[in-house]
Amino acid sequence: MSAEKKTASKSTGEDKSLVGRIKTLPGAIAVTVVTALVGALIAYFVPGILNDVTGKDQLKVSLESNPATIDTFHDVSQHLIAPRGHAISGSPGAGCTGFHSWGETIGAVPAGETNLRLVVQGGGAQTLIEGIRARVIERDRPLDGTGFVCPSQAGLRPRSVCINLDDPSPIGQVVKYTSVAKRCAGKPVSFTVSENETEVFDISAITSECYCKWILELVTTQSGSQKTISVPSDGQPFETTAWPESPSRPHYLWDLFASRWQDYPNGRTYSADSAQLPPLPTFAPGVRGGPLFQP
């Protein structure tokens, strides 16, 4: 028999002998100990790995985009532009709570400003929120179309973070609730959030010059690593278009008390269940955009 065959036979014999030893009581004990050790290691390390994968140690971010359901903006007028050619019918229902969702059904776009609330809850190590910004992915002239207004019941326009979409690089500025400046004038966003701590940001993104599609971004640093979080997480853009500078441009005003549409400034009225409202030239070529409020 060759040396290789002898070696192979010897190795095979040793393997069989090892299997035999494992089948004995001491071998079984040894296997049990090893299995328990591996299980302990998995139990110790895997939860941490899963936290990294599932984001349990990361910021939790939620968004409310209907301004009528946000206490800060509850009494602030809402403005919409329905692009030219869109069929307009129906109504938002009582009050202004349904105005935002009704606008979505007819393809209307928030005009003058988009108001929303961002809620951030800390997770894991302390996180520095060092910026809130808008990444504009499309910029065009303001939309031509019919304007709609759900009026405010108060004159104050509170906000905590203001983003001017007309800036080349729209960066969120922290402004006082009493601020009514035409432009966003304040300090850049900079907050720290600890685990289970919650910060609420009421955000107004304003424009008087564009129809902009944009994505809200949160710039964070946690454990030395910087991360940019898109809100919402699927990256679907917000849309905002300008509102006319002149307050006399024709538009529809929602009558909060009679629940009907009023054609301003002509005074014609239309019922809430009108099959179709006639289009109005709220914004048209040559019309100049402007802020929704004056300093």
C-alpha atoms as a PDB file:
ATOM      1  CA  MET A   1       0.000   0.000   0.000  1.00  0.00           C
ATOM      2  CA  SER A   2       1.339   3.436  -0.937  1.00  0.00           C
ATOM      3  CA  ALA A   3       2.271   6.023   1.692  1.00  0.00           C
ATOM      4  CA  GLU A   4      -0.593   8.277   0.538  1.00  0.00           C
ATOM      5  CA  LYS A   5      -3.157   5.500   0.974  1.00  0.00           C
ATOM      6  CA  LYS A   6      -1.798   4.607   4.404  1.00  0.00           C
ATOM      7  CA  THR A   7      -2.034   8.254   5.435  1.00  0.00           C
ATOM      8  CA  ALA A   8      -5.568   8.535   4.070  1.00  0.00           C
ATOM      9  CA  SER A   9      -6.617   5.350   5.863  1.00  0.00           C
ATOM     10  CA  LYS A  10      -5.112   6.607   9.084  1.00  0.00           C
ATOM     11  CA  SER A  11      -6.884   9.957   8.732  1.00  0.00           C
ATOM     12  CA  THR A  12     -10.198   8.244   7.998  1.00  0.00           C
ATOM     13  CA  GLY A  13      -9.728   6.041  11.032  1.00  0.00           C
ATOM     14  CA  GLU A  14      -9.024   9.064  13.197  1.00  0.00           C
ATOM     15  CA  ASP A  15     -12.144  10.819  11.859  1.00  0.00           C
ATOM     16  CA  LYS A  16     -14.281   7.777  12.641  1.00  0.00           C
ATOM     17  CA  SER A  17     -12.680   7.573  16.026  1.00  0.00           C
ATOM     18  CA  LEU A  18     -13.543  11.255  16.648  1.00  0.00           C
ATOM     19  CA  VAL A  19     -17.151  10.652  15.660  1.00  0.00           C
ATOM     20  CA  GLY A  20     -17.210   7.718  17.986  1.00  0.00           C
ATOM     21  CA  ARG A  21     -15.869   9.793  20.862  1.00  0.00           C
ATOM     22  CA  ILE A  22     -18.485  12.495  20.225  1.00  0.00           C
ATOM     23  CA  LYS A  23     -21.192   9.850  20.417  1.00  0.00           C
ATOM     24  CA  THR A  24     -19.973   8.908  23.853  1.00  0.00           C
ATOM     25  CA  LEU A  25     -21.236  10.728  26.956  1.00  0.00           C
ATOM     26  CA  PRO A  26     -18.111  12.926  27.411  1.00  0.00           C
ATOM     27  CA  GLY A  27     -18.235  13.916  23.738  1.00  0.00           C
ATOM     28  CA  ALA A  28     -21.884  14.843  23.957  1.00  0.00           C
ATOM     29  CA  ILE A  29     -21.127  17.013  26.996  1.00  0.00           C
ATOM     30  CA  ALA A  30     -18.385  18.777  25.079  1.00  0.00           C
ATOM     31  CA  VAL A  31     -20.718  19.470  22.146  1.00  0.00           C
ATOM     32  CA  THR A  32     -23.374  20.803  24.529  1.00  0.00           C
ATOM     33  CA  VAL A  33     -20.875  23.203  26.117  1.00  0.00           C
ATOM     34  CA  VAL A  34     -19.743  24.502  22.718  1.00  0.00           C
ATOM     35  CA  THR A  35     -23.345  24.966  21.565  1.00  0.00           C
ATOM     36  CA  ALA A  36     -24.210  26.874  24.732  1.00  0.00           C
ATOM     37  CA  LEU A  37     -21.154  29.096  24.263  1.00  0.00           C
ATOM     38  CA  VAL A  38     -22.108  29.926  20.677  1.00  0.00           C
ATOM     39  CA  GLY A  39     -25.680  30.672  21.780  1.00  0.00           C
ATOM     40  CA  ALA A  40     -24.426  32.994  24.496  1.00  0.00           C
ATOM     41  CA  LEU A  41     -22.241  34.871  22.015  1.00  0.00           C
ATOM     42  CA  ILE A  42     -25.178  35.269  19.623  1.00  0.00           C
ATOM     43  CA  ALA A  43     -27.449  36.481  22.427  1.00  0.00           C
ATOM     44  CA  TYR A  44     -24.824  39.024  23.472  1.00  0.00           C
ATOM     45  CA  PHE A  45     -23.750  40.433  20.114  1.00  0.00           C
ATOM     46  CA  VAL A  46     -26.715  40.018  17.761  1.00  0.00           C
ATOM     47  CA  PRO A  47     -29.106  42.516  19.447  1.00  0.00           C
ATOM     48  CA  GLY A  48     -26.508  45.248  18.946  1.00  0.00           C
ATOM     49  CA  ILE A  49     -26.094  44.254  15.325  1.00  0.00           C
ATOM     50  CA  LEU A  50     -29.865  44.238  14.824  1.00  0.00           C
ATOM     51  CA  ASN A  51     -30.129  47.676  16.409  1.00  0.00           C
ATOM     52  CA  ASP A  52     -27.698  49.016  13.829  1.00  0.00           C
ATOM     53  CA  VAL A  53     -29.628  47.383  11.017  1.00  0.00           C
ATOM     54  CA  THR A  54     -33.121  48.334  12.165  1.00  0.00           C
ATOM     55  CA  GLY A  55     -32.181  51.803  13.378  1.00  0.00           C
ATOM     56  CA  LYS A  56     -33.284  51.296  16.978  1.00  0.00           C
ATOM     57  CA  ASP A  57     -30.301  53.356  18.102  1.00  0.00           C
ATOM     58  CA  GLN A  58     -30.989  56.078  15.532  1.00  0.00           C
ATOM     59  CA  LEU A  59     -33.251  59.124  15.443  1.00  0.00           C
ATOM     60  CA  LYS A  60     -36.962  58.530  15.019  1.00  0.00           C
ATOM     61  CA  VAL A  61     -38.489  61.156  12.749  1.00  0.00           C
ATOM     62  CA  SER A  62     -42.180  61.757  12.100  1.00  0.00           C
ATOM     63  CA  LEU A  63     -43.948  64.365   9.984  1.00  0.00           C
ATOM     64  CA  GLU A  64     -47.310  66.144  10.045  1.00  0.00           C
ATOM     65  CA  SER A  65     -48.027  67.976   6.784  1.00  0.00           C
ATOM     66  CA  ASN A  66     -51.601  69.203   7.371  1.00  0.00           C
ATOM     67  CA  PRO A  67     -51.178  72.678   8.917  1.00  0.00           C
ATOM     68  CA  ALA A  68     -54.763  72.769  10.190  1.00  0.00           C
ATOM     69  CA  THR A  69     -53.983  69.908  12.596  1.00  0.00           C
ATOM     70  CA  ILE A  70     -50.869  71.635  13.986  1.00  0.00           C
ATOM     71  CA  ASP A  71     -51.597  73.978  16.878  1.00  0.00           C
ATOM     72  CA  THR A  72     -48.909  76.438  15.750  1.00  0.00           C
ATOM     73  CA  PHE A  73     -50.521  76.892  12.318  1.00  0.00           C
ATOM     74  CA  HIS A  74     -54.130  76.097  13.216  1.00  0.00           C
ATOM     75  CA  ASP A  75     -55.271  79.718  12.843  1.00  0.00           C
ATOM     76  CA  VAL A  76     -53.020  80.648   9.922  1.00  0.00           C
ATOM     77  CA  SER A  77     -54.572  81.189   6.473  1.00  0.00           C
ATOM     78  CA  GLN A  78     -53.948  78.417   3.965  1.00  0.00           C
ATOM     79  CA  HIS A  79     -53.372  79.192   0.276  1.00  0.00           C
ATOM     80  CA  LEU A  80     -53.526  76.811  -2.680  1.00  0.00           C
ATOM     81  CA  ILE A  81     -53.077  77.124  -6.445  1.00  0.00           C
ATOM     82  CA  ALA A  82     -54.835  74.596  -8.689  1.00  0.00           C
ATOM     83  CA  PRO A  83     -52.836  74.495 -11.949  1.00  0.00           C
ATOM     84  CA  ARG A  84     -54.597  75.718 -15.075  1.00  0.00           C
ATOM     85  CA  GLY A  85     -56.592  72.942 -16.732  1.00  0.00           C
ATOM     86  CA  HIS A  86     -57.374  71.029 -13.531  1.00  0.00           C
ATOM     87  CA  ALA A  87     -61.044  70.326 -12.878  1.00  0.00           C
ATOM     88  CA  ILE A  88     -62.187  71.954  -9.636  1.00  0.00           C
ATOM     89  CA  SER A  89     -65.108  70.645  -7.614  1.00  0.00           C
ATOM     90  CA  GLY A  90     -66.197  69.914  -4.075  1.00  0.00           C
ATOM     91  CA  SER A  91     -65.135  71.604  -0.883  1.00  0.00           C
ATOM     92  CA  PRO A  92     -62.947  71.075   2.195  1.00  0.00           C
ATOM     93  CA  GLY A  93     -65.884  70.649   4.574  1.00  0.00           C
ATOM     94  CA  ALA A  94     -66.416  72.544   7.808  1.00  0.00           C
ATOM     95  CA  GLY A  95     -63.561  74.791   8.915  1.00  0.00           C
ATOM     96  CA  CYS A  96     -60.064  74.474   7.442  1.00  0.00           C
ATOM     97  CA  THR A  97     -59.125  71.011   8.716  1.00  0.00           C
ATOM     98  CA  GLY A  98     -59.927  69.337   5.400  1.00  0.00           C
ATOM     99  CA  PHE A  99     -58.563  72.142   3.187  1.00  0.00           C
ATOM    100  CA  HIS A 100     -55.117  70.560   2.726  1.00  0.00           C
ATOM    101  CA  SER A 101     -56.421  67.093   1.840  1.00  0.00           C
ATOM    102  CA  TRP A 102     -59.135  68.536  -0.434  1.00  0.00           C
ATOM    103  CA  GLY A 103     -56.421  70.458  -2.291  1.00  0.00           C
ATOM    104  CA  GLU A 104     -54.517  67.226  -2.863  1.00  0.00           C
ATOM    105  CA  THR A 105     -57.578  65.621  -4.478  1.00  0.00           C
ATOM    106  CA  ILE A 106     -57.760  68.377  -7.127  1.00  0.00           C
ATOM    107  CA  GLY A 107     -53.991  68.514  -7.666  1.00  0.00           C
ATOM    108  CA  ALA A 108     -53.552  71.899  -5.968  1.00  0.00           C
ATOM    109  CA  VAL A 109     -50.197  73.045  -4.574  1.00  0.00           C
ATOM    110  CA  PRO A 110     -49.542  75.027  -1.345  1.00  0.00           C
ATOM    111  CA  ALA A 111     -48.955  78.652  -2.315  1.00  0.00           C
ATOM    112  CA  GLY A 112     -46.747  81.218  -0.655  1.00  0.00           C
ATOM    113  CA  GLU A 113     -45.593  78.794   1.994  1.00  0.00           C
ATOM    114  CA  THR A 114     -45.698  75.153   3.041  1.00  0.00           C
ATOM    115  CA  ASN A 115     -46.215  74.640   6.764  1.00  0.00           C
ATOM    116  CA  LEU A 116     -45.423  71.366   8.492  1.00  0.00           C
ATOM    117  CA  ARG A 117     -44.296  69.860  11.796  1.00  0.00           C
ATOM    118  CA  LEU A 118     -41.223  67.686  12.236  1.00  0.00           C
ATOM    119  CA  VAL A 119     -40.958  65.592  15.419  1.00  0.00           C
ATOM    120  CA  VAL A 120     -37.542  64.143  16.253  1.00  0.00           C
ATOM    121  CA  GLN A 121     -36.956  61.608  19.054  1.00  0.00           C
ATOM    122  CA  GLY A 122     -33.441  60.691  20.134  1.00  0.00           C
ATOM    123  CA  GLY A 123     -32.178  57.123  20.097  1.00  0.00           C
ATOM    124  CA  GLY A 124     -28.890  55.689  21.374  1.00  0.00           C
ATOM    125  CA  ALA A 125     -26.011  58.141  21.710  1.00  0.00           C
ATOM    126  CA  GLN A 126     -26.671  61.863  21.894  1.00  0.00           C
ATOM    127  CA  THR A 127     -27.301  63.328  18.437  1.00  0.00           C
ATOM    128  CA  LEU A 128     -26.454  66.796  17.185  1.00  0.00           C
ATOM    129  CA  ILE A 129     -28.994  68.219  14.757  1.00  0.00           C
ATOM    130  CA  GLU A 130     -26.820  70.713  12.947  1.00  0.00           C
ATOM    131  CA  GLY A 131     -29.061  71.731  10.123  1.00  0.00           C
ATOM    132  CA  ILE A 132     -32.502  71.602   8.548  1.00  0.00           C
ATOM    133  CA  ARG A 133     -32.542  72.453   4.871  1.00  0.00           C
ATOM    134  CA  ALA A 134     -34.483  72.133   1.640  1.00  0.00           C
ATOM    135  CA  ARG A 135     -32.852  70.445  -1.323  1.00  0.00           C
ATOM    136  CA  VAL A 136     -34.601  71.921  -4.343  1.00  0.00           C
ATOM    137  CA  ILE A 137     -34.773  69.309  -7.106  1.00  0.00           C
ATOM    138  CA  GLU A 138     -36.867  71.347  -9.548  1.00  0.00           C
ATOM    139  CA  ARG A 139     -37.253  75.126  -9.878  1.00  0.00           C
ATOM    140  CA  ASP A 140     -39.606  76.794 -12.359  1.00  0.00           C
ATOM    141  CA  ARG A 141     -41.725  79.920 -12.716  1.00  0.00           C
ATOM    142  CA  PRO A 142     -44.797  80.027 -10.439  1.00  0.00           C
ATOM    143  CA  LEU A 143     -47.783  77.921 -11.449  1.00  0.00           C
ATOM    144  CA  ASP A 144     -50.564  79.598 -13.421  1.00  0.00           C
ATOM    145  CA  GLY A 145     -53.972  78.682 -12.116  1.00  0.00           C
ATOM    146  CA  THR A 146     -56.842  79.251  -9.718  1.00  0.00           C
ATOM    147  CA  GLY A 147     -56.211  80.302  -6.130  1.00  0.00           C
ATOM    148  CA  PHE A 148     -58.043  79.178  -3.013  1.00  0.00           C
ATOM    149  CA  VAL A 149     -57.847  80.594   0.505  1.00  0.00           C
ATOM    150  CA  CYS A 150     -59.042  79.202   3.814  1.00  0.00           C
ATOM    151  CA  PRO A 151     -58.835  82.329   5.990  1.00  0.00           C
ATOM    152  CA  SER A 152     -57.180  82.634   9.357  1.00  0.00           C
ATOM    153  CA  GLN A 153     -58.904  83.524  12.569  1.00  0.00           C
ATOM    154  CA  ALA A 154     -55.850  85.371  13.871  1.00  0.00           C
ATOM    155  CA  GLY A 155     -53.214  87.643  12.393  1.00  0.00           C
ATOM    156  CA  LEU A 156     -50.096  86.115  13.928  1.00  0.00           C
ATOM    157  CA  ARG A 157     -47.947  83.831  11.758  1.00  0.00           C
ATOM    158  CA  PRO A 158     -45.893  81.806  14.233  1.00  0.00           C
ATOM    159  CA  ARG A 159     -43.027  79.561  13.162  1.00  0.00           C
ATOM    160  CA  SER A 160     -39.853  78.175  14.709  1.00  0.00           C
ATOM    161  CA  VAL A 161     -37.874  77.275  11.567  1.00  0.00           C
ATOM    162  CA  CYS A 162     -38.169  79.200   8.311  1.00  0.00           C
ATOM    163  CA  ILE A 163     -36.698  78.093   4.956  1.00  0.00           C
ATOM    164  CA  ASN A 164     -36.575  80.515   2.015  1.00  0.00           C
ATOM    165  CA  LEU A 165     -36.894  78.411  -1.127  1.00  0.00           C
ATOM    166  CA  ASP A 166     -35.856  81.409  -3.247  1.00  0.00           C
ATOM    167  CA  ASP A 167     -32.320  81.243  -1.818  1.00  0.00           C
ATOM    168  CA  PRO A 168     -29.754  79.315  -3.900  1.00  0.00           C
ATOM    169  CA  SER A 169     -29.102  77.073  -0.873  1.00  0.00           C
ATOM    170  CA  PRO A 170     -32.242  77.095   1.299  1.00  0.00           C
ATOM    171  CA  ILE A 171     -31.095  76.664   4.897  1.00  0.00           C
ATOM    172  CA  GLY A 172     -33.498  76.550   7.849  1.00  0.00           C
ATOM    173  CA  GLN A 173     -33.270  79.520  10.200  1.00  0.00           C
ATOM    174  CA  VAL A 174     -34.626  79.539  13.753  1.00  0.00           C
ATOM    175  CA  VAL A 175     -36.889  82.577  14.074  1.00  0.00           C
ATOM    176  CA  LYS A 176     -39.031  83.930  16.871  1.00  0.00           C
ATOM    177  CA  TYR A 177     -42.739  83.194  16.974  1.00  0.00           C
ATOM    178  CA  THR A 178     -43.460  86.919  16.747  1.00  0.00           C
ATOM    179  CA  SER A 179     -41.395  87.340  13.594  1.00  0.00           C
ATOM    180  CA  VAL A 180     -43.278  88.564  10.517  1.00  0.00           C
ATOM    181  CA  ALA A 181     -40.258  89.423   8.371  1.00  0.00           C
ATOM    182  CA  LYS A 182     -40.549  89.028   4.605  1.00  0.00           C
ATOM    183  CA  ARG A 183     -37.420  86.876   4.554  1.00  0.00           C
ATOM    184  CA  CYS A 184     -36.295  84.154   6.919  1.00  0.00           C
ATOM    185  CA  ALA A 185     -33.953  85.985   9.256  1.00  0.00           C
ATOM    186  CA  GLY A 186     -32.621  84.115  12.271  1.00  0.00           C
ATOM    187  CA  LYS A 187     -29.956  81.651  13.367  1.00  0.00           C
ATOM    188  CA  PRO A 188     -29.063  78.296  11.785  1.00  0.00           C
ATOM    189  CA  VAL A 189     -30.584  75.224  13.420  1.00  0.00           C
ATOM    190  CA  SER A 190     -28.365  73.583  16.040  1.00  0.00           C
ATOM    191  CA  PHE A 191     -29.833  71.284  18.735  1.00  0.00           C
ATOM    192  CA  THR A 192     -28.776  68.174  20.595  1.00  0.00           C
ATOM    193  CA  VAL A 193     -31.204  65.320  21.219  1.00  0.00           C
ATOM    194  CA  SER A 194     -30.525  62.623  23.827  1.00  0.00           C
ATOM    195  CA  GLU A 195     -32.065  59.154  23.943  1.00  0.00           C
ATOM    196  CA  ASN A 196     -35.881  59.309  24.345  1.00  0.00           C
ATOM    197  CA  GLU A 197     -35.745  63.128  24.248  1.00  0.00           C
ATOM    198  CA  THR A 198     -38.118  64.787  21.777  1.00  0.00           C
ATOM    199  CA  GLU A 199     -37.725  67.998  19.788  1.00  0.00           C
ATOM    200  CA  VAL A 200     -40.543  69.545  17.769  1.00  0.00           C
ATOM    201  CA  PHE A 201     -39.820  71.781  14.770  1.00  0.00           C
ATOM    202  CA  ASP A 202     -42.632  73.775  13.163  1.00  0.00           C
ATOM    203  CA  ILE A 203     -41.334  74.615   9.709  1.00  0.00           C
ATOM    204  CA  SER A 204     -42.411  77.141   7.079  1.00  0.00           C
ATOM    205  CA  ALA A 205     -40.887  76.899   3.602  1.00  0.00           C
ATOM    206  CA  ILE A 206     -41.680  80.128   1.741  1.00  0.00           C
ATOM    207  CA  THR A 207     -41.391  81.408  -1.815  1.00  0.00           C
ATOM    208  CA  SER A 208     -42.450  84.463  -3.802  1.00  0.00           C
ATOM    209  CA  GLU A 209     -40.563  83.601  -6.994  1.00  0.00           C
ATOM    210  CA  CYS A 210     -40.845  79.924  -7.908  1.00  0.00           C
ATOM    211  CA  TYR A 211     -42.735  76.716  -8.286  1.00  0.00           C
ATOM    212  CA  CYS A 212     -40.355  74.449  -6.421  1.00  0.00           C
ATOM    213  CA  LYS A 213     -40.225  70.726  -5.767  1.00  0.00           C
ATOM    214  CA  TRP A 214     -38.038  70.086  -2.774  1.00  0.00           C
ATOM    215  CA  ILE A 215     -36.975  67.509  -0.223  1.00  0.00           C
ATOM    216  CA  LEU A 216     -36.622  68.309   3.467  1.00  0.00           C
ATOM    217  CA  GLU A 217     -33.284  67.179   4.891  1.00  0.00           C
ATOM    218  CA  LEU A 218     -32.086  66.826   8.465  1.00  0.00           C
ATOM    219  CA  VAL A 219     -28.299  66.994   8.942  1.00  0.00           C
ATOM    220  CA  THR A 220     -27.202  65.020  12.027  1.00  0.00           C
ATOM    221  CA  THR A 221     -24.051  63.830  13.758  1.00  0.00           C
ATOM    222  CA  GLN A 222     -24.097  60.831  16.099  1.00  0.00           C
ATOM    223  CA  SER A 223     -21.004  59.161  17.589  1.00  0.00           C
ATOM    224  CA  GLY A 224     -18.786  61.109  15.207  1.00  0.00           C
ATOM    225  CA  SER A 225     -20.664  60.036  12.070  1.00  0.00           C
ATOM    226  CA  GLN A 226     -22.552  62.605  10.015  1.00  0.00           C
ATOM    227  CA  LYS A 227     -25.776  61.544   8.341  1.00  0.00           C
ATOM    228  CA  THR A 228     -28.342  63.329   6.186  1.00  0.00           C
ATOM    229  CA  ILE A 229     -31.923  62.148   6.714  1.00  0.00           C
ATOM    230  CA  SER A 230     -34.510  62.821   4.007  1.00  0.00           C
ATOM    231  CA  VAL A 231     -38.041  63.523   5.236  1.00  0.00           C
ATOM    232  CA  PRO A 232     -40.201  61.684   4.413  1.00  0.00           C
ATOM    233  CA  SER A 233     -37.903  58.679   4.173  1.00  0.00           C
ATOM    234  CA  ASP A 234     -39.117  57.723   0.683  1.00  0.00           C
ATOM    235  CA  GLY A 235     -37.782  61.029  -0.622  1.00  0.00           C
ATOM    236  CA  GLN A 236     -41.046  62.154  -2.238  1.00  0.00           C
ATOM    237  CA  PRO A 237     -40.776  65.914  -2.804  1.00  0.00           C
ATOM    238  CA  PHE A 238     -42.901  68.688  -1.357  1.00  0.00           C
ATOM    239  CA  GLU A 239     -44.302  71.253  -3.761  1.00  0.00           C
ATOM    240  CA  THR A 240     -44.643  74.995  -3.155  1.00  0.00           C
ATOM    241  CA  THR A 241     -45.558  77.770  -5.575  1.00  0.00           C
ATOM    242  CA  ALA A 242     -45.757  81.550  -5.260  1.00  0.00           C
ATOM    243  CA  TRP A 243     -48.890  83.498  -4.375  1.00  0.00           C
ATOM    244  CA  PRO A 244     -49.620  86.850  -6.121  1.00  0.00           C
ATOM    245  CA  GLU A 245     -48.176  89.964  -4.558  1.00  0.00           C
ATOM    246  CA  SER A 246     -51.378  91.914  -5.196  1.00  0.00           C
ATOM    247  CA  PRO A 247     -54.175  91.093  -2.717  1.00  0.00           C
ATOM    248  CA  SER A 248     -56.771  92.045  -5.342  1.00  0.00           C
ATOM    249  CA  ARG A 249     -56.041  89.104  -7.669  1.00  0.00           C
ATOM    250  CA  PRO A 250     -59.208  87.000  -8.125  1.00  0.00           C
ATOM    251  CA  HIS A 251     -59.426  83.839  -6.043  1.00  0.00           C
ATOM    252  CA  TYR A 252     -61.897  81.672  -4.158  1.00  0.00           C
ATOM    253  CA  LEU A 253     -62.369  82.312  -0.458  1.00  0.00           C
ATOM    254  CA  TRP A 254     -63.837  79.549   1.687  1.00  0.00           C
ATOM    255  CA  ASP A 255     -66.607  80.937   3.898  1.00  0.00           C
ATOM    256  CA  LEU A 256     -66.035  79.257   7.274  1.00  0.00           C
ATOM    257  CA  PHE A 257     -69.499  80.112   8.583  1.00  0.00           C
ATOM    258  CA  ALA A 258     -71.718  79.489   5.547  1.00  0.00           C
ATOM    259  CA  SER A 259     -69.559  76.626   4.181  1.00  0.00           C
ATOM    260  CA  ARG A 260     -69.564  77.938   0.616  1.00  0.00           C
ATOM    261  CA  TRP A 261     -67.135  79.428  -1.890  1.00  0.00           C
ATOM    262  CA  GLN A 262     -66.953  83.159  -2.503  1.00  0.00           C
ATOM    263  CA  ASP A 263     -65.443  84.532  -5.717  1.00  0.00           C
ATOM    264  CA  TYR A 264     -63.231  87.379  -4.497  1.00  0.00           C
ATOM    265  CA  PRO A 265     -63.403  90.290  -5.275  1.00  0.00           C
ATOM    266  CA  ASN A 266     -66.561  89.868  -7.411  1.00  0.00           C
ATOM    267  CA  GLY A 267     -68.648  88.487  -4.553  1.00  0.00           C
ATOM    268  CA  ARG A 268     -70.296  85.616  -6.459  1.00  0.00           C
ATOM    269  CA  THR A 269     -70.954  82.568  -4.298  1.00  0.00           C
ATOM    270  CA  TYR A 270     -70.961  78.859  -5.078  1.00  0.00           C
ATOM    271  CA  SER A 271     -72.315  76.012  -2.991  1.00  0.00           C
ATOM    272  CA  ALA A 272     -69.975  73.522  -1.352  1.00  0.00           C
ATOM    273  CA  ASP A 273     -71.211  70.720  -3.583  1.00  0.00           C
ATOM    274  CA  SER A 274     -70.801  72.599  -6.883  1.00  0.00           C
ATOM    275  CA  ALA A 275     -70.057  70.134  -9.669  1.00  0.00           C
ATOM    276  CA  GLN A 276     -67.319  72.399 -11.032  1.00  0.00           C
ATOM    277  CA  LEU A 277     -66.041  75.840 -10.148  1.00  0.00           C
ATOM    278  CA  PRO A 278     -65.141  78.232 -12.987  1.00  0.00           C
ATOM    279  CA  PRO A 279     -61.355  78.775 -13.241  1.00  0.00           C
ATOM    280  CA  LEU A 280     -59.943  82.123 -12.109  1.00  0.00           C
ATOM    281  CA  PRO A 281     -56.703  83.812 -13.264  1.00  0.00           C
ATOM    282  CA  THR A 282     -55.228  84.049  -9.758  1.00  0.00           C
ATOM    283  CA  PHE A 283     -51.746  83.536 -11.117  1.00  0.00           C
ATOM    284  CA  ALA A 284     -51.069  84.100 -14.816  1.00  0.00           C
ATOM    285  CA  PRO A 285     -48.193  85.227 -17.051  1.00  0.00           C
ATOM    286  CA  GLY A 286     -47.068  88.689 -16.000  1.00  0.00           C
ATOM    287  CA  VAL A 287     -48.403  88.368 -12.448  1.00  0.00           C
ATOM    288  CA  ARG A 288     -45.765  89.025  -9.804  1.00  0.00           C
ATOM    289  CA  GLY A 289     -45.435  86.843  -6.729  1.00  0.00           C
ATOM    290  CA  GLY A 290     -45.030  88.215  -3.254  1.00  0.00           C
ATOM    291  CA  PRO A 291     -45.066  87.357   0.442  1.00  0.00           C
ATOM    292  CA  LEU A 292     -48.297  86.363   2.143  1.00  0.00           C
ATOM    293  CA  PHE A 293     -47.699  88.925   4.874  1.00  0.00           C
ATOM    294  CA  GLN A 294     -46.130  92.330   5.413  1.00  0.00           C
ATOM    295  CA  PRO A 295     -43.517  93.359   8.037  1.00  0.00           C
END
